[in-house]
Every structure is written in structure tokens, then in C-alpha cells.
PDB file of all heavy atoms in Angstrom:
ATOM      1  N   SER A   1      14.089  -4.638 -38.019  1.00  0.00           N
ATOM      2  CA  SER A   1      13.379  -4.676 -36.811  1.00  0.00           C
ATOM      3  C   SER A   1      11.811  -4.457 -36.914  1.00  0.00           C
ATOM      4  O   SER A   1      11.161  -4.710 -35.962  1.00  0.00           O
ATOM      5  CB  SER A   1      13.876  -3.542 -35.859  1.00  0.00           C
ATOM      6  OG  SER A   1      13.755  -2.282 -36.530  1.00  0.00           O
ATOM      7  N   VAL A   2      11.360  -4.037 -38.037  1.00  0.00           N
ATOM      8  CA  VAL A   2      10.011  -3.830 -38.218  1.00  0.00           C
ATOM      9  C   VAL A   2       9.203  -4.696 -39.260  1.00  0.00           C
ATOM     10  O   VAL A   2       8.025  -4.661 -39.375  1.00  0.00           O
ATOM     11  CB  VAL A   2       9.614  -2.376 -38.669  1.00  0.00           C
ATOM     12  CG1 VAL A   2      10.365  -1.347 -37.680  1.00  0.00           C
ATOM     13  CG2 VAL A   2      10.176  -2.079 -40.072  1.00  0.00           C
ATOM     14  N   LYS A   3      10.054  -5.602 -39.893  1.00  0.00           N
ATOM     15  CA  LYS A   3       9.527  -6.477 -40.897  1.00  0.00           C
ATOM     16  C   LYS A   3       8.375  -7.275 -40.287  1.00  0.00           C
ATOM     17  O   LYS A   3       8.514  -7.850 -39.145  1.00  0.00           O
ATOM     18  CB  LYS A   3      10.582  -7.428 -41.478  1.00  0.00           C
ATOM     19  CG  LYS A   3      11.445  -6.725 -42.475  1.00  0.00           C
ATOM     20  CD  LYS A   3      12.526  -7.642 -42.966  1.00  0.00           C
ATOM     21  CE  LYS A   3      13.413  -6.908 -43.910  1.00  0.00           C
ATOM     22  NZ  LYS A   3      14.487  -7.754 -44.440  1.00  0.00           N
ATOM     23  N   GLY A   4       7.233  -7.402 -40.958  1.00  0.00           N
ATOM     24  CA  GLY A   4       6.142  -8.274 -40.450  1.00  0.00           C
ATOM     25  C   GLY A   4       5.234  -7.462 -39.503  1.00  0.00           C
ATOM     26  O   GLY A   4       4.163  -8.009 -39.172  1.00  0.00           O
ATOM     27  N   ARG A   5       5.695  -6.301 -39.123  1.00  0.00           N
ATOM     28  CA  ARG A   5       4.842  -5.551 -38.156  1.00  0.00           C
ATOM     29  C   ARG A   5       4.339  -4.205 -38.693  1.00  0.00           C
ATOM     30  O   ARG A   5       3.246  -3.665 -38.462  1.00  0.00           O
ATOM     31  CB  ARG A   5       5.573  -5.252 -36.904  1.00  0.00           C
ATOM     32  CG  ARG A   5       6.076  -6.470 -36.125  1.00  0.00           C
ATOM     33  CD  ARG A   5       6.600  -6.112 -34.774  1.00  0.00           C
ATOM     34  NE  ARG A   5       7.741  -5.253 -34.898  1.00  0.00           N
ATOM     35  CZ  ARG A   5       7.917  -4.146 -34.268  1.00  0.00           C
ATOM     36  NH1 ARG A   5       6.925  -3.559 -33.617  1.00  0.00           N
ATOM     37  NH2 ARG A   5       9.038  -3.394 -34.380  1.00  0.00           N
ATOM     38  N   PHE A   6       5.137  -3.601 -39.618  1.00  0.00           N
ATOM     39  CA  PHE A   6       4.867  -2.247 -40.248  1.00  0.00           C
ATOM     40  C   PHE A   6       4.515  -2.433 -41.665  1.00  0.00           C
ATOM     41  O   PHE A   6       5.235  -3.308 -42.338  1.00  0.00           O
ATOM     42  CB  PHE A   6       5.964  -1.268 -40.065  1.00  0.00           C
ATOM     43  CG  PHE A   6       6.257  -0.936 -38.592  1.00  0.00           C
ATOM     44  CD1 PHE A   6       5.645  -1.433 -37.550  1.00  0.00           C
ATOM     45  CD2 PHE A   6       7.168   0.203 -38.334  1.00  0.00           C
ATOM     46  CE1 PHE A   6       5.895  -1.028 -36.273  1.00  0.00           C
ATOM     47  CE2 PHE A   6       7.507   0.592 -37.068  1.00  0.00           C
ATOM     48  CZ  PHE A   6       6.843  -0.012 -36.058  1.00  0.00           C
ATOM     49  N   THR A   7       3.702  -1.580 -42.148  1.00  0.00           N
ATOM     50  CA  THR A   7       3.394  -1.634 -43.595  1.00  0.00           C
ATOM     51  C   THR A   7       3.370  -0.140 -44.171  1.00  0.00           C
ATOM     52  O   THR A   7       2.735   0.704 -43.662  1.00  0.00           O
ATOM     53  CB  THR A   7       2.031  -2.142 -43.893  1.00  0.00           C
ATOM     54  OG1 THR A   7       1.961  -3.520 -43.349  1.00  0.00           O
ATOM     55  CG2 THR A   7       1.712  -2.303 -45.368  1.00  0.00           C
ATOM     56  N   ILE A   8       4.152   0.068 -45.206  1.00  0.00           N
ATOM     57  CA  ILE A   8       4.194   1.359 -45.831  1.00  0.00           C
ATOM     58  C   ILE A   8       3.180   1.290 -47.076  1.00  0.00           C
ATOM     59  O   ILE A   8       3.149   0.289 -47.672  1.00  0.00           O
ATOM     60  CB  ILE A   8       5.602   1.709 -46.296  1.00  0.00           C
ATOM     61  CG1 ILE A   8       5.617   3.205 -46.749  1.00  0.00           C
ATOM     62  CG2 ILE A   8       6.221   0.786 -47.286  1.00  0.00           C
ATOM     63  CD1 ILE A   8       7.037   3.687 -46.985  1.00  0.00           C
ATOM     64  N   SER A   9       2.626   2.436 -47.249  1.00  0.00           N
ATOM     65  CA  SER A   9       1.723   2.499 -48.449  1.00  0.00           C
ATOM     66  C   SER A   9       1.663   4.010 -48.916  1.00  0.00           C
ATOM     67  O   SER A   9       2.220   4.869 -48.195  1.00  0.00           O
ATOM     68  CB  SER A   9       0.228   2.018 -48.025  1.00  0.00           C
ATOM     69  OG  SER A   9      -0.310   2.867 -47.139  1.00  0.00           O
ATOM     70  N   ARG A  10       1.054   4.192 -50.048  1.00  0.00           N
ATOM     71  CA  ARG A  10       1.075   5.461 -50.720  1.00  0.00           C
ATOM     72  C   ARG A  10      -0.266   5.606 -51.473  1.00  0.00           C
ATOM     73  O   ARG A  10      -0.764   4.750 -52.014  1.00  0.00           O
ATOM     74  CB  ARG A  10       2.241   5.849 -51.502  1.00  0.00           C
ATOM     75  CG  ARG A  10       2.355   4.858 -52.762  1.00  0.00           C
ATOM     76  CD  ARG A  10       3.743   5.010 -53.477  1.00  0.00           C
ATOM     77  NE  ARG A  10       3.887   6.324 -54.025  1.00  0.00           N
ATOM     78  CZ  ARG A  10       4.981   6.781 -54.411  1.00  0.00           C
ATOM     79  NH1 ARG A  10       6.203   6.116 -54.225  1.00  0.00           N
ATOM     80  NH2 ARG A  10       5.156   8.028 -54.959  1.00  0.00           N
ATOM     81  N   ASP A  11      -0.731   6.881 -51.480  1.00  0.00           N
ATOM     82  CA  ASP A  11      -1.899   7.228 -52.280  1.00  0.00           C
ATOM     83  C   ASP A  11      -1.468   8.426 -53.118  1.00  0.00           C
ATOM     84  O   ASP A  11      -1.375   9.552 -52.663  1.00  0.00           O
ATOM     85  CB  ASP A  11      -3.010   7.542 -51.304  1.00  0.00           C
ATOM     86  CG  ASP A  11      -4.339   7.816 -52.139  1.00  0.00           C
ATOM     87  OD1 ASP A  11      -4.281   8.317 -53.364  1.00  0.00           O
ATOM     88  OD2 ASP A  11      -5.538   7.658 -51.600  1.00  0.00           O
ATOM     89  N   ASN A  12      -1.172   8.212 -54.373  1.00  0.00           N
ATOM     90  CA  ASN A  12      -0.640   9.222 -55.269  1.00  0.00           C
ATOM     91  C   ASN A  12      -1.732  10.328 -55.500  1.00  0.00           C
ATOM     92  O   ASN A  12      -1.416  11.480 -55.677  1.00  0.00           O
ATOM     93  CB  ASN A  12      -0.191   8.655 -56.585  1.00  0.00           C
ATOM     94  CG  ASN A  12       1.113   7.944 -56.447  1.00  0.00           C
ATOM     95  OD1 ASN A  12       1.844   8.033 -55.519  1.00  0.00           O
ATOM     96  ND2 ASN A  12       1.351   7.165 -57.483  1.00  0.00           N
ATOM     97  N   ALA A  13      -2.938   9.982 -55.545  1.00  0.00           N
ATOM     98  CA  ALA A  13      -4.112  10.946 -55.772  1.00  0.00           C
ATOM     99  C   ALA A  13      -4.092  11.872 -54.593  1.00  0.00           C
ATOM    100  O   ALA A  13      -4.450  13.144 -54.743  1.00  0.00           O
ATOM    101  CB  ALA A  13      -5.398  10.263 -55.971  1.00  0.00           C
ATOM    102  N   LYS A  14      -3.950  11.396 -53.328  1.00  0.00           N
ATOM    103  CA  LYS A  14      -3.947  12.228 -52.218  1.00  0.00           C
ATOM    104  C   LYS A  14      -2.536  12.803 -51.864  1.00  0.00           C
ATOM    105  O   LYS A  14      -2.328  13.561 -50.903  1.00  0.00           O
ATOM    106  CB  LYS A  14      -4.493  11.492 -51.034  1.00  0.00           C
ATOM    107  CG  LYS A  14      -5.923  11.054 -51.143  1.00  0.00           C
ATOM    108  CD  LYS A  14      -6.417  10.397 -49.969  1.00  0.00           C
ATOM    109  CE  LYS A  14      -8.014   9.984 -50.112  1.00  0.00           C
ATOM    110  NZ  LYS A  14      -8.415   9.280 -48.959  1.00  0.00           N
ATOM    111  N   THR A  15      -1.558  12.401 -52.673  1.00  0.00           N
ATOM    112  CA  THR A  15      -0.120  12.818 -52.379  1.00  0.00           C
ATOM    113  C   THR A  15       0.151  12.563 -50.922  1.00  0.00           C
ATOM    114  O   THR A  15       0.833  13.460 -50.212  1.00  0.00           O
ATOM    115  CB  THR A  15       0.267  14.204 -52.824  1.00  0.00           C
ATOM    116  OG1 THR A  15      -0.463  15.235 -52.079  1.00  0.00           O
ATOM    117  CG2 THR A  15       0.022  14.413 -54.281  1.00  0.00           C
ATOM    118  N   THR A  16      -0.100  11.430 -50.416  1.00  0.00           N
ATOM    119  CA  THR A  16       0.122  11.079 -48.953  1.00  0.00           C
ATOM    120  C   THR A  16       0.738   9.670 -48.875  1.00  0.00           C
ATOM    121  O   THR A  16       0.307   8.770 -49.556  1.00  0.00           O
ATOM    122  CB  THR A  16      -1.248  11.062 -48.217  1.00  0.00           C
ATOM    123  OG1 THR A  16      -1.750  12.400 -48.387  1.00  0.00           O
ATOM    124  CG2 THR A  16      -1.004  10.808 -46.773  1.00  0.00           C
ATOM    125  N   SER A  17       1.641   9.525 -47.932  1.00  0.00           N
ATOM    126  CA  SER A  17       2.196   8.197 -47.654  1.00  0.00           C
ATOM    127  C   SER A  17       1.735   7.825 -46.228  1.00  0.00           C
ATOM    128  O   SER A  17       1.373   8.778 -45.491  1.00  0.00           O
ATOM    129  CB  SER A  17       3.688   8.142 -47.759  1.00  0.00           C
ATOM    130  OG  SER A  17       4.261   8.933 -46.716  1.00  0.00           O
ATOM    131  N   TYR A  18       1.782   6.607 -45.879  1.00  0.00           N
ATOM    132  CA  TYR A  18       1.252   6.064 -44.753  1.00  0.00           C
ATOM    133  C   TYR A  18       2.232   5.085 -44.197  1.00  0.00           C
ATOM    134  O   TYR A  18       2.925   4.391 -44.846  1.00  0.00           O
ATOM    135  CB  TYR A  18      -0.189   5.386 -44.833  1.00  0.00           C
ATOM    136  CG  TYR A  18      -1.168   6.292 -45.358  1.00  0.00           C
ATOM    137  CD1 TYR A  18      -1.418   6.186 -46.794  1.00  0.00           C
ATOM    138  CD2 TYR A  18      -1.883   7.137 -44.712  1.00  0.00           C
ATOM    139  CE1 TYR A  18      -2.355   7.100 -47.414  1.00  0.00           C
ATOM    140  CE2 TYR A  18      -2.853   8.035 -45.278  1.00  0.00           C
ATOM    141  CZ  TYR A  18      -3.074   7.911 -46.591  1.00  0.00           C
ATOM    142  OH  TYR A  18      -4.084   8.802 -47.211  1.00  0.00           O
ATOM    143  N   LEU A  19       2.268   4.986 -42.871  1.00  0.00           N
ATOM    144  CA  LEU A  19       3.017   3.810 -42.181  1.00  0.00           C
ATOM    145  C   LEU A  19       2.056   3.243 -41.088  1.00  0.00           C
ATOM    146  O   LEU A  19       1.787   3.871 -40.091  1.00  0.00           O
ATOM    147  CB  LEU A  19       4.231   4.424 -41.447  1.00  0.00           C
ATOM    148  CG  LEU A  19       5.211   3.350 -40.866  1.00  0.00           C
ATOM    149  CD1 LEU A  19       5.785   2.475 -42.016  1.00  0.00           C
ATOM    150  CD2 LEU A  19       6.251   3.976 -39.999  1.00  0.00           C
ATOM    151  N   GLN A  20       1.584   2.094 -41.413  1.00  0.00           N
ATOM    152  CA  GLN A  20       0.763   1.344 -40.478  1.00  0.00           C
ATOM    153  C   GLN A  20       1.684   0.570 -39.556  1.00  0.00           C
ATOM    154  O   GLN A  20       2.400  -0.271 -40.076  1.00  0.00           O
ATOM    155  CB  GLN A  20      -0.175   0.402 -41.185  1.00  0.00           C
ATOM    156  CG  GLN A  20      -1.050  -0.408 -40.310  1.00  0.00           C
ATOM    157  CD  GLN A  20      -2.093   0.457 -39.612  1.00  0.00           C
ATOM    158  OE1 GLN A  20      -2.821   1.306 -40.184  1.00  0.00           O
ATOM    159  NE2 GLN A  20      -2.278   0.209 -38.229  1.00  0.00           N
ATOM    160  N   MET A  21       1.522   0.722 -38.235  1.00  0.00           N
ATOM    161  CA  MET A  21       2.445   0.139 -37.374  1.00  0.00           C
ATOM    162  C   MET A  21       1.559  -0.763 -36.438  1.00  0.00           C
ATOM    163  O   MET A  21       0.592  -0.256 -35.731  1.00  0.00           O
ATOM    164  CB  MET A  21       3.196   1.204 -36.537  1.00  0.00           C
ATOM    165  CG  MET A  21       3.941   2.084 -37.315  1.00  0.00           C
ATOM    166  SD  MET A  21       5.031   3.262 -36.446  1.00  0.00           S
ATOM    167  CE  MET A  21       3.685   4.235 -35.570  1.00  0.00           C
ATOM    168  N   THR A  22       1.852  -1.990 -36.351  1.00  0.00           N
ATOM    169  CA  THR A  22       1.146  -2.914 -35.456  1.00  0.00           C
ATOM    170  C   THR A  22       2.100  -3.654 -34.534  1.00  0.00           C
ATOM    171  O   THR A  22       3.243  -3.555 -34.773  1.00  0.00           O
ATOM    172  CB  THR A  22       0.393  -3.899 -36.204  1.00  0.00           C
ATOM    173  OG1 THR A  22       1.290  -4.811 -36.986  1.00  0.00           O
ATOM    174  CG2 THR A  22      -0.562  -3.300 -37.280  1.00  0.00           C
ATOM    175  N   SER A  23       1.571  -4.312 -33.552  1.00  0.00           N
ATOM    176  CA  SER A  23       2.386  -5.034 -32.522  1.00  0.00           C
ATOM    177  C   SER A  23       3.601  -4.214 -32.075  1.00  0.00           C
ATOM    178  O   SER A  23       4.698  -4.578 -31.969  1.00  0.00           O
ATOM    179  CB  SER A  23       2.915  -6.330 -33.170  1.00  0.00           C
ATOM    180  OG  SER A  23       1.877  -7.113 -33.614  1.00  0.00           O
ATOM    181  N   LEU A  24       3.222  -2.915 -31.653  1.00  0.00           N
ATOM    182  CA  LEU A  24       4.244  -1.982 -31.270  1.00  0.00           C
ATOM    183  C   LEU A  24       4.964  -2.398 -29.943  1.00  0.00           C
ATOM    184  O   LEU A  24       4.348  -3.051 -29.086  1.00  0.00           O
ATOM    185  CB  LEU A  24       3.633  -0.711 -31.142  1.00  0.00           C
ATOM    186  CG  LEU A  24       3.340   0.112 -32.411  1.00  0.00           C
ATOM    187  CD1 LEU A  24       2.379   1.232 -32.282  1.00  0.00           C
ATOM    188  CD2 LEU A  24       4.664   0.700 -32.974  1.00  0.00           C
ATOM    189  N   LYS A  25       6.201  -2.099 -29.966  1.00  0.00           N
ATOM    190  CA  LYS A  25       7.084  -2.513 -28.814  1.00  0.00           C
ATOM    191  C   LYS A  25       7.684  -1.201 -28.210  1.00  0.00           C
ATOM    192  O   LYS A  25       7.851  -0.096 -28.906  1.00  0.00           O
ATOM    193  CB  LYS A  25       8.170  -3.398 -29.296  1.00  0.00           C
ATOM    194  CG  LYS A  25       7.788  -4.591 -30.041  1.00  0.00           C
ATOM    195  CD  LYS A  25       9.018  -5.330 -30.542  1.00  0.00           C
ATOM    196  CE  LYS A  25       8.605  -6.635 -31.311  1.00  0.00           C
ATOM    197  NZ  LYS A  25       9.739  -7.281 -31.852  1.00  0.00           N
ATOM    198  N   PRO A  26       8.029  -1.223 -26.893  1.00  0.00           N
ATOM    199  CA  PRO A  26       8.708  -0.026 -26.369  1.00  0.00           C
ATOM    200  C   PRO A  26       9.960   0.472 -27.140  1.00  0.00           C
ATOM    201  O   PRO A  26      10.209   1.640 -27.170  1.00  0.00           O
ATOM    202  CB  PRO A  26       9.116  -0.499 -24.919  1.00  0.00           C
ATOM    203  CG  PRO A  26       8.061  -1.528 -24.604  1.00  0.00           C
ATOM    204  CD  PRO A  26       7.773  -2.245 -25.852  1.00  0.00           C
ATOM    205  N   GLU A  27      10.603  -0.484 -27.808  1.00  0.00           N
ATOM    206  CA  GLU A  27      11.736  -0.036 -28.559  1.00  0.00           C
ATOM    207  C   GLU A  27      11.475   0.602 -29.880  1.00  0.00           C
ATOM    208  O   GLU A  27      12.407   1.144 -30.696  1.00  0.00           O
ATOM    209  CB  GLU A  27      12.726  -1.298 -28.786  1.00  0.00           C
ATOM    210  CG  GLU A  27      12.012  -2.516 -29.353  1.00  0.00           C
ATOM    211  CD  GLU A  27      11.691  -3.485 -28.317  1.00  0.00           C
ATOM    212  OE1 GLU A  27      11.105  -3.129 -27.325  1.00  0.00           O
ATOM    213  OE2 GLU A  27      11.786  -4.691 -28.593  1.00  0.00           O
ATOM    214  N   ASP A  28      10.172   0.730 -30.168  1.00  0.00           N
ATOM    215  CA  ASP A  28       9.803   1.413 -31.410  1.00  0.00           C
ATOM    216  C   ASP A  28       9.650   2.889 -30.970  1.00  0.00           C
ATOM    217  O   ASP A  28       9.294   3.729 -31.922  1.00  0.00           O
ATOM    218  CB  ASP A  28       8.372   0.963 -31.907  1.00  0.00           C
ATOM    219  CG  ASP A  28       8.505  -0.468 -32.490  1.00  0.00           C
ATOM    220  OD1 ASP A  28       9.483  -0.722 -33.115  1.00  0.00           O
ATOM    221  OD2 ASP A  28       7.600  -1.292 -32.188  1.00  0.00           O
ATOM    222  N   THR A  29       9.723   3.290 -29.724  1.00  0.00           N
ATOM    223  CA  THR A  29       9.623   4.696 -29.379  1.00  0.00           C
ATOM    224  C   THR A  29      10.719   5.472 -30.025  1.00  0.00           C
ATOM    225  O   THR A  29      11.986   5.143 -29.926  1.00  0.00           O
ATOM    226  CB  THR A  29       9.801   4.818 -27.781  1.00  0.00           C
ATOM    227  OG1 THR A  29       8.666   4.126 -27.249  1.00  0.00           O
ATOM    228  CG2 THR A  29       9.874   6.190 -27.373  1.00  0.00           C
ATOM    229  N   ALA A  30      10.264   6.536 -30.702  1.00  0.00           N
ATOM    230  CA  ALA A  30      11.168   7.355 -31.404  1.00  0.00           C
ATOM    231  C   ALA A  30      10.423   8.515 -32.101  1.00  0.00           C
ATOM    232  O   ALA A  30       9.200   8.587 -32.030  1.00  0.00           O
ATOM    233  CB  ALA A  30      11.916   6.628 -32.619  1.00  0.00           C
ATOM    234  N   VAL A  31      11.223   9.439 -32.714  1.00  0.00           N
ATOM    235  CA  VAL A  31      10.590  10.412 -33.543  1.00  0.00           C
ATOM    236  C   VAL A  31      10.609   9.917 -34.992  1.00  0.00           C
ATOM    237  O   VAL A  31      11.674   9.467 -35.398  1.00  0.00           O
ATOM    238  CB  VAL A  31      11.353  11.825 -33.516  1.00  0.00           C
ATOM    239  CG1 VAL A  31      10.760  12.801 -34.457  1.00  0.00           C
ATOM    240  CG2 VAL A  31      11.272  12.337 -32.185  1.00  0.00           C
ATOM    241  N   TYR A  32       9.548   9.828 -35.570  1.00  0.00           N
ATOM    242  CA  TYR A  32       9.409   9.248 -36.957  1.00  0.00           C
ATOM    243  C   TYR A  32       9.276  10.451 -38.012  1.00  0.00           C
ATOM    244  O   TYR A  32       8.503  11.353 -37.830  1.00  0.00           O
ATOM    245  CB  TYR A  32       8.129   8.456 -36.963  1.00  0.00           C
ATOM    246  CG  TYR A  32       8.324   7.074 -36.378  1.00  0.00           C
ATOM    247  CD1 TYR A  32       8.342   7.014 -34.987  1.00  0.00           C
ATOM    248  CD2 TYR A  32       8.453   5.860 -37.140  1.00  0.00           C
ATOM    249  CE1 TYR A  32       8.575   5.690 -34.317  1.00  0.00           C
ATOM    250  CE2 TYR A  32       8.586   4.693 -36.527  1.00  0.00           C
ATOM    251  CZ  TYR A  32       8.699   4.636 -35.044  1.00  0.00           C
ATOM    252  OH  TYR A  32       8.726   3.422 -34.492  1.00  0.00           O
ATOM    253  N   TYR A  33      10.172  10.333 -39.030  1.00  0.00           N
ATOM    254  CA  TYR A  33      10.149  11.256 -40.151  1.00  0.00           C
ATOM    255  C   TYR A  33       9.783  10.668 -41.456  1.00  0.00           C
ATOM    256  O   TYR A  33      10.210   9.551 -41.750  1.00  0.00           O
ATOM    257  CB  TYR A  33      11.617  11.907 -40.257  1.00  0.00           C
ATOM    258  CG  TYR A  33      12.189  12.470 -38.972  1.00  0.00           C
ATOM    259  CD1 TYR A  33      12.836  11.667 -38.062  1.00  0.00           C
ATOM    260  CD2 TYR A  33      12.111  13.893 -38.844  1.00  0.00           C
ATOM    261  CE1 TYR A  33      13.377  12.360 -36.915  1.00  0.00           C
ATOM    262  CE2 TYR A  33      12.620  14.444 -37.771  1.00  0.00           C
ATOM    263  CZ  TYR A  33      13.240  13.762 -36.738  1.00  0.00           C
ATOM    264  OH  TYR A  33      13.696  14.271 -35.662  1.00  0.00           O
ATOM    265  N   CYS A  34       8.987  11.390 -42.187  1.00  0.00           N
ATOM    266  CA  CYS A  34       8.726  10.929 -43.562  1.00  0.00           C
ATOM    267  C   CYS A  34       9.618  11.642 -44.506  1.00  0.00           C
ATOM    268  O   CYS A  34      10.026  12.773 -44.251  1.00  0.00           O
ATOM    269  CB  CYS A  34       7.210  11.096 -43.872  1.00  0.00           C
ATOM    270  SG  CYS A  34       6.664  12.816 -44.101  1.00  0.00           S
TER     271      CYS A  34
END
């Protein structure tokens, strides 16, 4: 459901992961957990 719209990435130096979400839809409404 998110292919082509969301991108996951990581920065090992910062020990941080990211989720870039674009073209958001109402059905994307949720609690997001890493």
C-alpha cells in the first residue's frame, strides 16, 4: 500500500532511521512504530 510513496532510509552514524512519506492518503492515518 505504500510502494512508490514512502521511502525508508538509515544513518548509521546518527543511529537514526527515517520514513519519508509522500502523497499521503487518509487511509495512511495510523500510529507509526519504528
